[in-house]
PDB file of N, CA and C in Angstrom:
ATOM      1  N   GLN A   1     150.387  93.376 167.499  1.00  0.00           N
ATOM      2  CA  GLN A   1     149.357  94.798 167.360  1.00  0.00           C
ATOM      3  C   GLN A   1     150.504  95.817 167.489  1.00  0.00           C
ATOM      4  N   ALA A   2     151.877  95.709 168.358  1.00  0.00           N
ATOM      5  CA  ALA A   2     152.695  96.902 168.012  1.00  0.00           C
ATOM      6  C   ALA A   2     153.837  96.854 166.703  1.00  0.00           C
ATOM      7  N   HIS A   3     153.506  96.456 165.889  1.00  0.00           N
ATOM      8  CA  HIS A   3     153.716  96.509 164.825  1.00  0.00           C
ATOM      9  C   HIS A   3     152.641  97.881 163.765  1.00  0.00           C
ATOM     10  N   LYS A   4     152.207  98.473 164.108  1.00  0.00           N
ATOM     11  CA  LYS A   4     151.640 100.075 164.208  1.00  0.00           C
ATOM     12  C   LYS A   4     152.641 101.106 163.068  1.00  0.00           C
ATOM     13  N   SER A   5     154.093 100.568 163.044  1.00  0.00           N
ATOM     14  CA  SER A   5     154.804 101.145 162.514  1.00  0.00           C
ATOM     15  C   SER A   5     154.921 101.338 160.629  1.00  0.00           C
ATOM     16  N   SER A   6     154.270 100.309 160.596  1.00  0.00           N
ATOM     17  CA  SER A   6     154.114  99.747 159.037  1.00  0.00           C
ATOM     18  C   SER A   6     153.482 100.492 158.446  1.00  0.00           C
ATOM     19  N   GLY A   7     152.642 101.038 159.136  1.00  0.00           N
ATOM     20  CA  GLY A   7     151.740 102.502 158.118  1.00  0.00           C
ATOM     21  C   GLY A   7     150.464 101.575 158.004  1.00  0.00           C
ATOM     22  N   SER A   8     150.264 100.477 157.618  1.00  0.00           N
ATOM     23  CA  SER A   8     149.062 100.370 158.090  1.00  0.00           C
ATOM     24  C   SER A   8     148.503  99.384 159.062  1.00  0.00           C
ATOM     25  N   PRO A   9     148.028 100.160 160.346  1.00  0.00           N
ATOM     26  CA  PRO A   9     147.106  99.691 160.910  1.00  0.00           C
ATOM     27  C   PRO A   9     145.743  98.955 161.025  1.00  0.00           C
ATOM     28  N   HIS A  10     145.002  99.950 159.181  1.00  0.00           N
ATOM     29  CA  HIS A  10     143.984  99.284 159.494  1.00  0.00           C
ATOM     30  C   HIS A  10     144.043  97.568 158.780  1.00  0.00           C
ATOM     31  N   VAL A  11     145.154  97.074 158.509  1.00  0.00           N
ATOM     32  CA  VAL A  11     144.749  95.713 157.671  1.00  0.00           C
ATOM     33  C   VAL A  11     144.739  94.939 158.492  1.00  0.00           C
ATOM     34  N   LEU A  12     144.797  94.758 160.026  1.00  0.00           N
ATOM     35  CA  LEU A  12     143.869  93.860 160.758  1.00  0.00           C
ATOM     36  C   LEU A  12     142.678  93.993 160.978  1.00  0.00           C
ATOM     37  N   GLN A  13     141.901  94.750 160.488  1.00  0.00           N
ATOM     38  CA  GLN A  13     140.751  95.173 160.701  1.00  0.00           C
ATOM     39  C   GLN A  13     140.743  94.531 159.949  1.00  0.00           C
ATOM     40  N   ILE A  14     140.958  94.591 158.399  1.00  0.00           N
ATOM     41  CA  ILE A  14     140.232  94.782 157.157  1.00  0.00           C
ATOM     42  C   ILE A  14     140.398  92.868 157.213  1.00  0.00           C
ATOM     43  N   THR A  15     141.078  92.360 157.481  1.00  0.00           N
ATOM     44  CA  THR A  15     141.284  90.714 157.720  1.00  0.00           C
ATOM     45  C   THR A  15     139.982  90.257 158.556  1.00  0.00           C
ATOM     46  N   ALA A  16     140.174  91.031 159.643  1.00  0.00           N
ATOM     47  CA  ALA A  16     138.759  90.481 160.612  1.00  0.00           C
ATOM     48  C   ALA A  16     137.523  90.495 159.946  1.00  0.00           C
ATOM     49  N   ILE A  17     137.335  91.670 159.272  1.00  0.00           N
ATOM     50  CA  ILE A  17     136.295  91.723 158.957  1.00  0.00           C
ATOM     51  C   ILE A  17     135.495  90.908 157.416  1.00  0.00           C
ATOM     52  N   SER A  18     136.840  91.027 156.354  1.00  0.00           N
ATOM     53  CA  SER A  18     136.953  89.763 155.808  1.00  0.00           C
ATOM     54  C   SER A  18     136.593  88.261 155.789  1.00  0.00           C
ATOM     55  N   SER A  19     137.140  88.071 157.246  1.00  0.00           N
ATOM     56  CA  SER A  19     136.906  86.487 157.614  1.00  0.00           C
ATOM     57  C   SER A  19     135.550  86.575 157.924  1.00  0.00           C
ATOM     58  N   MET A  20     135.185  87.775 159.048  1.00  0.00           N
ATOM     59  CA  MET A  20     133.440  87.915 159.841  1.00  0.00           C
ATOM     60  C   MET A  20     132.842  87.671 158.469  1.00  0.00           C
ATOM     61  N   SER A  21     132.711  88.206 156.919  1.00  0.00           N
ATOM     62  CA  SER A  21     132.142  88.400 155.836  1.00  0.00           C
ATOM     63  C   SER A  21     132.217  86.880 155.501  1.00  0.00           C
ATOM     64  N   ASP A  22     133.453  86.086 155.612  1.00  0.00           N
ATOM     65  CA  ASP A  22     133.204  85.097 154.751  1.00  0.00           C
ATOM     66  C   ASP A  22     132.234  84.051 156.031  1.00  0.00           C
ATOM     67  N   ALA A  23     132.160  84.135 157.148  1.00  0.00           N
ATOM     68  CA  ALA A  23     132.188  82.910 157.990  1.00  0.00           C
ATOM     69  C   ALA A  23     130.478  83.087 157.938  1.00  0.00           C
ATOM     70  N   LEU A  24     130.040  84.670 157.491  1.00  0.00           N
ATOM     71  CA  LEU A  24     128.725  84.820 157.159  1.00  0.00           C
ATOM     72  C   LEU A  24     128.322  84.186 155.567  1.00  0.00           C
ATOM     73  N   THR A  25     129.099  84.300 154.554  1.00  0.00           N
ATOM     74  CA  THR A  25     128.365  83.433 154.077  1.00  0.00           C
ATOM     75  C   THR A  25     128.725  82.388 153.509  1.00  0.00           C
ATOM     76  N   TYR A  26     129.155  81.565 154.652  1.00  0.00           N
ATOM     77  CA  TYR A  26     129.339  80.125 154.809  1.00  0.00           C
ATOM     78  C   TYR A  26     128.060  80.235 155.367  1.00  0.00           C
ATOM     79  N   TYR A  27     127.709  80.485 156.724  1.00  0.00           N
ATOM     80  CA  TYR A  27     126.387  80.292 157.006  1.00  0.00           C
ATOM     81  C   TYR A  27     124.996  81.019 156.696  1.00  0.00           C
TER      82      TYR A  27
END
């Protein structure tokens, strides 16, 4: 989380949301 200097701090949120949506799709 300390690598926010890359300019894309929302990548982690996007991955989390995508994984959550995938879990919802499987369930």
